[in-house]
Amino acid sequence: MNLEPVTAEIVDELSDFLDGTKDRDEARTRNAERLESDFFHLPSAARLAVIEAVMAQLEAVEHFDVEYVVNPFKDESKPDEEARA
């Protein structure tokens, strides 16, 4: 089953159904709701594949706010106290 047309349609209408949200969980929920209402004929495995494809597109265009994994203010030039212990 070719899901590219469904994915493309949803990606094209992102601004309408996301309504400015930058939260990943909210985007995933809205994406799932859209698929259930407009593409209910798709099997659940296909809907999950579309959700993942749309989320990947959102990540690729950096739609979501950046989350720091490390402390951006930590001075890396000084040895860490824990490393010496």
PDB file of N, CA and C in Angstrom:
ATOM      1  N   MET A   1       0.847  -1.181   0.000  1.00  0.00           N
ATOM      2  CA  MET A   1       0.000   0.000   0.000  1.00  0.00           C
ATOM      3  C   MET A   1       0.892   1.243   0.000  1.00  0.00           C
ATOM      4  N   ASN A   2       0.652   2.116  -0.940  1.00  0.00           N
ATOM      5  CA  ASN A   2       1.425   3.356  -1.053  1.00  0.00           C
ATOM      6  C   ASN A   2       0.784   4.427  -0.163  1.00  0.00           C
ATOM      7  N   LEU A   3       1.499   4.799   0.880  1.00  0.00           N
ATOM      8  CA  LEU A   3       0.974   5.781   1.834  1.00  0.00           C
ATOM      9  C   LEU A   3       1.502   7.189   1.585  1.00  0.00           C
ATOM     10  N   GLU A   4       2.338   7.342   0.569  1.00  0.00           N
ATOM     11  CA  GLU A   4       2.910   8.662   0.291  1.00  0.00           C
ATOM     12  C   GLU A   4       1.860   9.729   0.008  1.00  0.00           C
ATOM     13  N   PRO A   5       0.800   9.439  -0.755  1.00  0.00           N
ATOM     14  CA  PRO A   5      -0.215  10.479  -0.987  1.00  0.00           C
ATOM     15  C   PRO A   5      -0.905  10.937   0.303  1.00  0.00           C
ATOM     16  N   VAL A   6      -1.178   9.996   1.200  1.00  0.00           N
ATOM     17  CA  VAL A   6      -1.812  10.347   2.475  1.00  0.00           C
ATOM     18  C   VAL A   6      -0.859  11.199   3.296  1.00  0.00           C
ATOM     19  N   THR A   7       0.396  10.758   3.380  1.00  0.00           N
ATOM     20  CA  THR A   7       1.405  11.508   4.133  1.00  0.00           C
ATOM     21  C   THR A   7       1.573  12.901   3.548  1.00  0.00           C
ATOM     22  N   ALA A   8       1.656  12.992   2.226  1.00  0.00           N
ATOM     23  CA  ALA A   8       1.835  14.290   1.569  1.00  0.00           C
ATOM     24  C   ALA A   8       0.653  15.215   1.846  1.00  0.00           C
ATOM     25  N   GLU A   9      -0.558  14.671   1.813  1.00  0.00           N
ATOM     26  CA  GLU A   9      -1.746  15.493   2.080  1.00  0.00           C
ATOM     27  C   GLU A   9      -1.717  16.052   3.499  1.00  0.00           C
ATOM     28  N   ILE A  10      -1.366  15.215   4.451  1.00  0.00           N
ATOM     29  CA  ILE A  10      -1.325  15.666   5.844  1.00  0.00           C
ATOM     30  C   ILE A  10      -0.212  16.677   6.052  1.00  0.00           C
ATOM     31  N   VAL A  11       0.957  16.421   5.484  1.00  0.00           N
ATOM     32  CA  VAL A  11       2.076  17.358   5.623  1.00  0.00           C
ATOM     33  C   VAL A  11       1.714  18.704   5.007  1.00  0.00           C
ATOM     34  N   ASP A  12       1.013  18.686   3.873  1.00  0.00           N
ATOM     35  CA  ASP A  12       0.606  19.938   3.223  1.00  0.00           C
ATOM     36  C   ASP A  12      -0.356  20.756   4.082  1.00  0.00           C
ATOM     37  N   GLU A  13      -1.103  20.092   4.946  1.00  0.00           N
ATOM     38  CA  GLU A  13      -2.101  20.778   5.769  1.00  0.00           C
ATOM     39  C   GLU A  13      -1.682  20.885   7.235  1.00  0.00           C
ATOM     40  N   LEU A  14      -0.393  20.773   7.501  1.00  0.00           N
ATOM     41  CA  LEU A  14       0.092  20.784   8.885  1.00  0.00           C
ATOM     42  C   LEU A  14      -0.342  22.011   9.665  1.00  0.00           C
ATOM     43  N   SER A  15      -0.228  23.169   9.064  1.00  0.00           N
ATOM     44  CA  SER A  15      -0.541  24.393   9.806  1.00  0.00           C
ATOM     45  C   SER A  15      -2.006  24.432  10.236  1.00  0.00           C
ATOM     46  N   ASP A  16      -2.886  23.821   9.443  1.00  0.00           N
ATOM     47  CA  ASP A  16      -4.304  23.807   9.800  1.00  0.00           C
ATOM     48  C   ASP A  16      -4.592  22.922  11.004  1.00  0.00           C
ATOM     49  N   PHE A  17      -4.085  21.700  10.977  1.00  0.00           N
ATOM     50  CA  PHE A  17      -4.482  20.800  12.051  1.00  0.00           C
ATOM     51  C   PHE A  17      -3.562  20.839  13.264  1.00  0.00           C
ATOM     52  N   LEU A  18      -2.375  21.416  13.160  1.00  0.00           N
ATOM     53  CA  LEU A  18      -1.515  21.548  14.340  1.00  0.00           C
ATOM     54  C   LEU A  18      -1.790  22.835  15.098  1.00  0.00           C
ATOM     55  N   ASP A  19      -2.338  23.816  14.426  1.00  0.00           N
ATOM     56  CA  ASP A  19      -2.735  25.068  15.075  1.00  0.00           C
ATOM     57  C   ASP A  19      -1.612  25.675  15.911  1.00  0.00           C
ATOM     58  N   GLY A  20      -0.379  25.611  15.386  1.00  0.00           N
ATOM     59  CA  GLY A  20       0.751  26.273  16.037  1.00  0.00           C
ATOM     60  C   GLY A  20       1.413  25.510  17.165  1.00  0.00           C
ATOM     61  N   THR A  21       0.944  24.304  17.480  1.00  0.00           N
ATOM     62  CA  THR A  21       1.555  23.575  18.592  1.00  0.00           C
ATOM     63  C   THR A  21       2.996  23.184  18.273  1.00  0.00           C
ATOM     64  N   LYS A  22       3.848  23.260  19.268  1.00  0.00           N
ATOM     65  CA  LYS A  22       5.249  22.862  19.134  1.00  0.00           C
ATOM     66  C   LYS A  22       5.544  21.633  19.990  1.00  0.00           C
ATOM     67  N   ASP A  23       4.498  21.054  20.576  1.00  0.00           N
ATOM     68  CA  ASP A  23       4.645  19.903  21.458  1.00  0.00           C
ATOM     69  C   ASP A  23       4.533  18.611  20.651  1.00  0.00           C
ATOM     70  N   ARG A  24       5.526  17.738  20.781  1.00  0.00           N
ATOM     71  CA  ARG A  24       5.540  16.498  20.015  1.00  0.00           C
ATOM     72  C   ARG A  24       4.336  15.605  20.320  1.00  0.00           C
ATOM     73  N   ASP A  25       4.017  15.441  21.595  1.00  0.00           N
ATOM     74  CA  ASP A  25       2.900  14.571  21.965  1.00  0.00           C
ATOM     75  C   ASP A  25       1.575  15.105  21.430  1.00  0.00           C
ATOM     76  N   GLU A  26       1.397  16.407  21.517  1.00  0.00           N
ATOM     77  CA  GLU A  26       0.168  17.023  20.997  1.00  0.00           C
ATOM     78  C   GLU A  26       0.096  16.864  19.478  1.00  0.00           C
ATOM     79  N   ALA A  27       1.206  17.048  18.802  1.00  0.00           N
ATOM     80  CA  ALA A  27       1.231  16.885  17.347  1.00  0.00           C
ATOM     81  C   ALA A  27       0.897  15.448  16.959  1.00  0.00           C
ATOM     82  N   ARG A  28       1.458  14.493  17.687  1.00  0.00           N
ATOM     83  CA  ARG A  28       1.185  13.079  17.413  1.00  0.00           C
ATOM     84  C   ARG A  28      -0.304  12.775  17.640  1.00  0.00           C
ATOM     85  N   THR A  29      -0.871  13.308  18.713  1.00  0.00           N
ATOM     86  CA  THR A  29      -2.285  13.085  19.013  1.00  0.00           C
ATOM     87  C   THR A  29      -3.172  13.679  17.930  1.00  0.00           C
ATOM     88  N   ARG A  30      -2.894  14.901  17.535  1.00  0.00           N
ATOM     89  CA  ARG A  30      -3.711  15.543  16.489  1.00  0.00           C
ATOM     90  C   ARG A  30      -3.575  14.815  15.159  1.00  0.00           C
ATOM     91  N   ASN A  31      -2.378  14.337  14.874  1.00  0.00           N
ATOM     92  CA  ASN A  31      -2.139  13.575  13.659  1.00  0.00           C
ATOM     93  C   ASN A  31      -2.980  12.295  13.679  1.00  0.00           C
ATOM     94  N   ALA A  32      -2.972  11.588  14.803  1.00  0.00           N
ATOM     95  CA  ALA A  32      -3.750  10.351  14.934  1.00  0.00           C
ATOM     96  C   ALA A  32      -5.248  10.626  14.799  1.00  0.00           C
ATOM     97  N   GLU A  33      -5.712  11.707  15.418  1.00  0.00           N
ATOM     98  CA  GLU A  33      -7.131  12.065  15.322  1.00  0.00           C
ATOM     99  C   GLU A  33      -7.527  12.367  13.885  1.00  0.00           C
ATOM    100  N   ARG A  34      -6.668  13.064  13.188  1.00  0.00           N
ATOM    101  CA  ARG A  34      -6.949  13.393  11.779  1.00  0.00           C
ATOM    102  C   ARG A  34      -7.040  12.126  10.945  1.00  0.00           C
ATOM    103  N   LEU A  35      -6.111  11.213  11.169  1.00  0.00           N
ATOM    104  CA  LEU A  35      -6.137   9.964  10.413  1.00  0.00           C
ATOM    105  C   LEU A  35      -7.383   9.139  10.728  1.00  0.00           C
ATOM    106  N   GLU A  36      -7.777   9.106  11.981  1.00  0.00           N
ATOM    107  CA  GLU A  36      -8.963   8.338  12.363  1.00  0.00           C
ATOM    108  C   GLU A  36     -10.235   8.916  11.758  1.00  0.00           C
ATOM    109  N   SER A  37     -10.298  10.228  11.640  1.00  0.00           N
ATOM    110  CA  SER A  37     -11.519  10.830  11.101  1.00  0.00           C
ATOM    111  C   SER A  37     -11.544  10.862   9.576  1.00  0.00           C
ATOM    112  N   ASP A  38     -10.422  11.184   8.945  1.00  0.00           N
ATOM    113  CA  ASP A  38     -10.413  11.347   7.490  1.00  0.00           C
ATOM    114  C   ASP A  38      -9.935  10.112   6.726  1.00  0.00           C
ATOM    115  N   PHE A  39      -9.183   9.258   7.375  1.00  0.00           N
ATOM    116  CA  PHE A  39      -8.625   8.081   6.700  1.00  0.00           C
ATOM    117  C   PHE A  39      -8.938   6.813   7.500  1.00  0.00           C
ATOM    118  N   PHE A  40     -10.170   6.738   8.001  1.00  0.00           N
ATOM    119  CA  PHE A  40     -10.596   5.618   8.842  1.00  0.00           C
ATOM    120  C   PHE A  40     -10.520   4.281   8.118  1.00  0.00           C
ATOM    121  N   HIS A  41     -10.537   4.316   6.783  1.00  0.00           N
ATOM    122  CA  HIS A  41     -10.493   3.087   5.994  1.00  0.00           C
ATOM    123  C   HIS A  41      -9.113   2.425   6.012  1.00  0.00           C
ATOM    124  N   LEU A  42      -8.087   3.163   6.427  1.00  0.00           N
ATOM    125  CA  LEU A  42      -6.743   2.589   6.484  1.00  0.00           C
ATOM    126  C   LEU A  42      -6.621   1.650   7.678  1.00  0.00           C
ATOM    127  N   PRO A  43      -5.917   0.543   7.493  1.00  0.00           N
ATOM    128  CA  PRO A  43      -5.656  -0.331   8.643  1.00  0.00           C
ATOM    129  C   PRO A  43      -4.806   0.400   9.679  1.00  0.00           C
ATOM    130  N   SER A  44      -4.886  -0.044  10.919  1.00  0.00           N
ATOM    131  CA  SER A  44      -4.161   0.649  11.992  1.00  0.00           C
ATOM    132  C   SER A  44      -2.655   0.671  11.747  1.00  0.00           C
ATOM    133  N   ALA A  45      -2.099  -0.384  11.171  1.00  0.00           N
ATOM    134  CA  ALA A  45      -0.657  -0.404  10.884  1.00  0.00           C
ATOM    135  C   ALA A  45      -0.294   0.684   9.873  1.00  0.00           C
ATOM    136  N   ALA A  46      -1.153   0.902   8.896  1.00  0.00           N
ATOM    137  CA  ALA A  46      -0.903   1.944   7.897  1.00  0.00           C
ATOM    138  C   ALA A  46      -1.009   3.326   8.531  1.00  0.00           C
ATOM    139  N   ARG A  47      -1.986   3.511   9.413  1.00  0.00           N
ATOM    140  CA  ARG A  47      -2.113   4.805  10.094  1.00  0.00           C
ATOM    141  C   ARG A  47      -0.887   5.090  10.952  1.00  0.00           C
ATOM    142  N   LEU A  48      -0.389   4.068  11.641  1.00  0.00           N
ATOM    143  CA  LEU A  48       0.827   4.248  12.445  1.00  0.00           C
ATOM    144  C   LEU A  48       2.017   4.625  11.569  1.00  0.00           C
ATOM    145  N   ALA A  49       2.116   4.011  10.400  1.00  0.00           N
ATOM    146  CA  ALA A  49       3.210   4.334   9.479  1.00  0.00           C
ATOM    147  C   ALA A  49       3.111   5.783   9.011  1.00  0.00           C
ATOM    148  N   VAL A  50       1.897   6.242   8.742  1.00  0.00           N
ATOM    149  CA  VAL A  50       1.704   7.631   8.318  1.00  0.00           C
ATOM    150  C   VAL A  50       2.058   8.583   9.459  1.00  0.00           C
ATOM    151  N   ILE A  51       1.649   8.249  10.670  1.00  0.00           N
ATOM    152  CA  ILE A  51       1.980   9.094  11.824  1.00  0.00           C
ATOM    153  C   ILE A  51       3.490   9.234  11.951  1.00  0.00           C
ATOM    154  N   GLU A  52       4.202   8.128  11.849  1.00  0.00           N
ATOM    155  CA  GLU A  52       5.666   8.171  11.960  1.00  0.00           C
ATOM    156  C   GLU A  52       6.277   8.991  10.828  1.00  0.00           C
ATOM    157  N   ALA A  53       5.745   8.849   9.621  1.00  0.00           N
ATOM    158  CA  ALA A  53       6.270   9.606   8.482  1.00  0.00           C
ATOM    159  C   ALA A  53       6.034  11.105   8.658  1.00  0.00           C
ATOM    160  N   VAL A  54       4.854  11.467   9.136  1.00  0.00           N
ATOM    161  CA  VAL A  54       4.546  12.884   9.355  1.00  0.00           C
ATOM    162  C   VAL A  54       5.423  13.448  10.468  1.00  0.00           C
ATOM    163  N   MET A  55       5.589  12.694  11.545  1.00  0.00           N
ATOM    164  CA  MET A  55       6.441  13.154  12.647  1.00  0.00           C
ATOM    165  C   MET A  55       7.884  13.315  12.175  1.00  0.00           C
ATOM    166  N   ALA A  56       8.338  12.411  11.326  1.00  0.00           N
ATOM    167  CA  ALA A  56       9.694  12.527  10.780  1.00  0.00           C
ATOM    168  C   ALA A  56       9.831  13.793   9.942  1.00  0.00           C
ATOM    169  N   GLN A  57       8.794  14.113   9.177  1.00  0.00           N
ATOM    170  CA  GLN A  57       8.804  15.353   8.388  1.00  0.00           C
ATOM    171  C   GLN A  57       8.881  16.571   9.302  1.00  0.00           C
ATOM    172  N   LEU A  58       8.114  16.550  10.381  1.00  0.00           N
ATOM    173  CA  LEU A  58       8.134  17.670  11.326  1.00  0.00           C
ATOM    174  C   LEU A  58       9.511  17.818  11.966  1.00  0.00           C
ATOM    175  N   GLU A  59      10.126  16.704  12.316  1.00  0.00           N
ATOM    176  CA  GLU A  59      11.472  16.747  12.892  1.00  0.00           C
ATOM    177  C   GLU A  59      12.468  17.280  11.864  1.00  0.00           C
ATOM    178  N   ALA A  60      12.317  16.860  10.611  1.00  0.00           N
ATOM    179  CA  ALA A  60      13.251  17.261   9.558  1.00  0.00           C
ATOM    180  C   ALA A  60      13.242  18.770   9.322  1.00  0.00           C
ATOM    181  N   VAL A  61      12.090  19.387   9.478  1.00  0.00           N
ATOM    182  CA  VAL A  61      12.008  20.840   9.272  1.00  0.00           C
ATOM    183  C   VAL A  61      12.136  21.595  10.585  1.00  0.00           C
ATOM    184  N   GLU A  62      12.530  20.862  11.640  1.00  0.00           N
ATOM    185  CA  GLU A  62      12.745  21.447  12.968  1.00  0.00           C
ATOM    186  C   GLU A  62      11.519  22.226  13.443  1.00  0.00           C
ATOM    187  N   HIS A  63      10.362  21.589  13.299  1.00  0.00           N
ATOM    188  CA  HIS A  63       9.100  22.213  13.714  1.00  0.00           C
ATOM    189  C   HIS A  63       9.026  22.385  15.227  1.00  0.00           C
ATOM    190  N   PHE A  64       9.577  21.414  15.951  1.00  0.00           N
ATOM    191  CA  PHE A  64       9.466  21.422  17.406  1.00  0.00           C
ATOM    192  C   PHE A  64      10.558  22.267  18.023  1.00  0.00           C
ATOM    193  N   ASP A  65      10.281  22.769  19.219  1.00  0.00           N
ATOM    194  CA  ASP A  65      11.279  23.538  19.952  1.00  0.00           C
ATOM    195  C   ASP A  65      12.475  22.651  20.246  1.00  0.00           C
ATOM    196  N   VAL A  66      13.648  23.251  20.252  1.00  0.00           N
ATOM    197  CA  VAL A  66      14.874  22.512  20.514  1.00  0.00           C
ATOM    198  C   VAL A  66      14.954  22.215  22.003  1.00  0.00           C
ATOM    199  N   GLU A  67      15.298  20.984  22.320  1.00  0.00           N
ATOM    200  CA  GLU A  67      15.490  20.593  23.710  1.00  0.00           C
ATOM    201  C   GLU A  67      16.973  20.333  23.915  1.00  0.00           C
ATOM    202  N   TYR A  68      17.551  20.960  24.919  1.00  0.00           N
ATOM    203  CA  TYR A  68      18.963  20.748  25.197  1.00  0.00           C
ATOM    204  C   TYR A  68      19.146  19.432  25.923  1.00  0.00           C
ATOM    205  N   VAL A  69      20.059  18.636  25.419  1.00  0.00           N
ATOM    206  CA  VAL A  69      20.375  17.368  26.047  1.00  0.00           C
ATOM    207  C   VAL A  69      21.501  17.562  27.050  1.00  0.00           C
ATOM    208  N   VAL A  70      22.366  18.521  26.769  1.00  0.00           N
ATOM    209  CA  VAL A  70      23.479  18.835  27.660  1.00  0.00           C
ATOM    210  C   VAL A  70      23.298  20.246  28.179  1.00  0.00           C
ATOM    211  N   ASN A  71      24.054  20.583  29.190  1.00  0.00           N
ATOM    212  CA  ASN A  71      24.001  21.930  29.749  1.00  0.00           C
ATOM    213  C   ASN A  71      24.774  22.863  28.822  1.00  0.00           C
ATOM    214  N   PRO A  72      24.097  23.784  28.142  1.00  0.00           N
ATOM    215  CA  PRO A  72      24.795  24.658  27.199  1.00  0.00           C
ATOM    216  C   PRO A  72      25.685  25.683  27.889  1.00  0.00           C
ATOM    217  N   PHE A  73      25.548  25.823  29.202  1.00  0.00           N
ATOM    218  CA  PHE A  73      26.317  26.827  29.932  1.00  0.00           C
ATOM    219  C   PHE A  73      27.513  26.229  30.662  1.00  0.00           C
ATOM    220  N   LYS A  74      27.680  24.930  30.580  1.00  0.00           N
ATOM    221  CA  LYS A  74      28.783  24.268  31.264  1.00  0.00           C
ATOM    222  C   LYS A  74      30.089  24.605  30.556  1.00  0.00           C
ATOM    223  N   ASP A  75      31.095  24.970  31.338  1.00  0.00           N
ATOM    224  CA  ASP A  75      32.407  25.303  30.787  1.00  0.00           C
ATOM    225  C   ASP A  75      33.177  24.004  30.578  1.00  0.00           C
ATOM    226  N   GLU A  76      33.298  23.584  29.336  1.00  0.00           N
ATOM    227  CA  GLU A  76      33.967  22.326  29.019  1.00  0.00           C
ATOM    228  C   GLU A  76      35.483  22.418  29.135  1.00  0.00           C
ATOM    229  N   SER A  77      36.031  23.621  29.259  1.00  0.00           N
ATOM    230  CA  SER A  77      37.483  23.769  29.329  1.00  0.00           C
ATOM    231  C   SER A  77      38.029  23.371  30.694  1.00  0.00           C
ATOM    232  N   LYS A  78      37.168  23.336  31.713  1.00  0.00           N
ATOM    233  CA  LYS A  78      37.594  22.953  33.054  1.00  0.00           C
ATOM    234  C   LYS A  78      37.253  21.488  33.286  1.00  0.00           C
ATOM    235  N   PRO A  79      38.161  20.726  33.878  1.00  0.00           N
ATOM    236  CA  PRO A  79      37.857  19.317  34.155  1.00  0.00           C
ATOM    237  C   PRO A  79      36.701  19.200  35.135  1.00  0.00           C
ATOM    238  N   ASP A  80      35.891  18.232  34.916  1.00  0.00           N
ATOM    239  CA  ASP A  80      34.734  18.003  35.769  1.00  0.00           C
ATOM    240  C   ASP A  80      35.192  17.473  37.119  1.00  0.00           C
ATOM    241  N   GLU A  81      34.608  17.979  38.197  1.00  0.00           N
ATOM    242  CA  GLU A  81      34.985  17.572  39.549  1.00  0.00           C
ATOM    243  C   GLU A  81      34.744  16.078  39.756  1.00  0.00           C
ATOM    244  N   GLU A  82      33.663  15.548  39.200  1.00  0.00           N
ATOM    245  CA  GLU A  82      33.353  14.141  39.381  1.00  0.00           C
ATOM    246  C   GLU A  82      34.357  13.257  38.658  1.00  0.00           C
ATOM    247  N   ALA A  83      34.903  13.732  37.565  1.00  0.00           N
ATOM    248  CA  ALA A  83      35.863  12.945  36.806  1.00  0.00           C
ATOM    249  C   ALA A  83      37.146  12.736  37.597  1.00  0.00           C
ATOM    250  N   ARG A  84      37.499  13.685  38.464  1.00  0.00           N
ATOM    251  CA  ARG A  84      38.722  13.577  39.258  1.00  0.00           C
ATOM    252  C   ARG A  84      38.539  12.693  40.480  1.00  0.00           C
ATOM    253  N   ALA A  85      37.328  12.516  40.919  1.00  0.00           N
ATOM    254  CA  ALA A  85      37.080  11.759  42.156  1.00  0.00           C
ATOM    255  C   ALA A  85      37.241  10.274  41.959  1.00  0.00           C
TER     256      ALA A  85
END
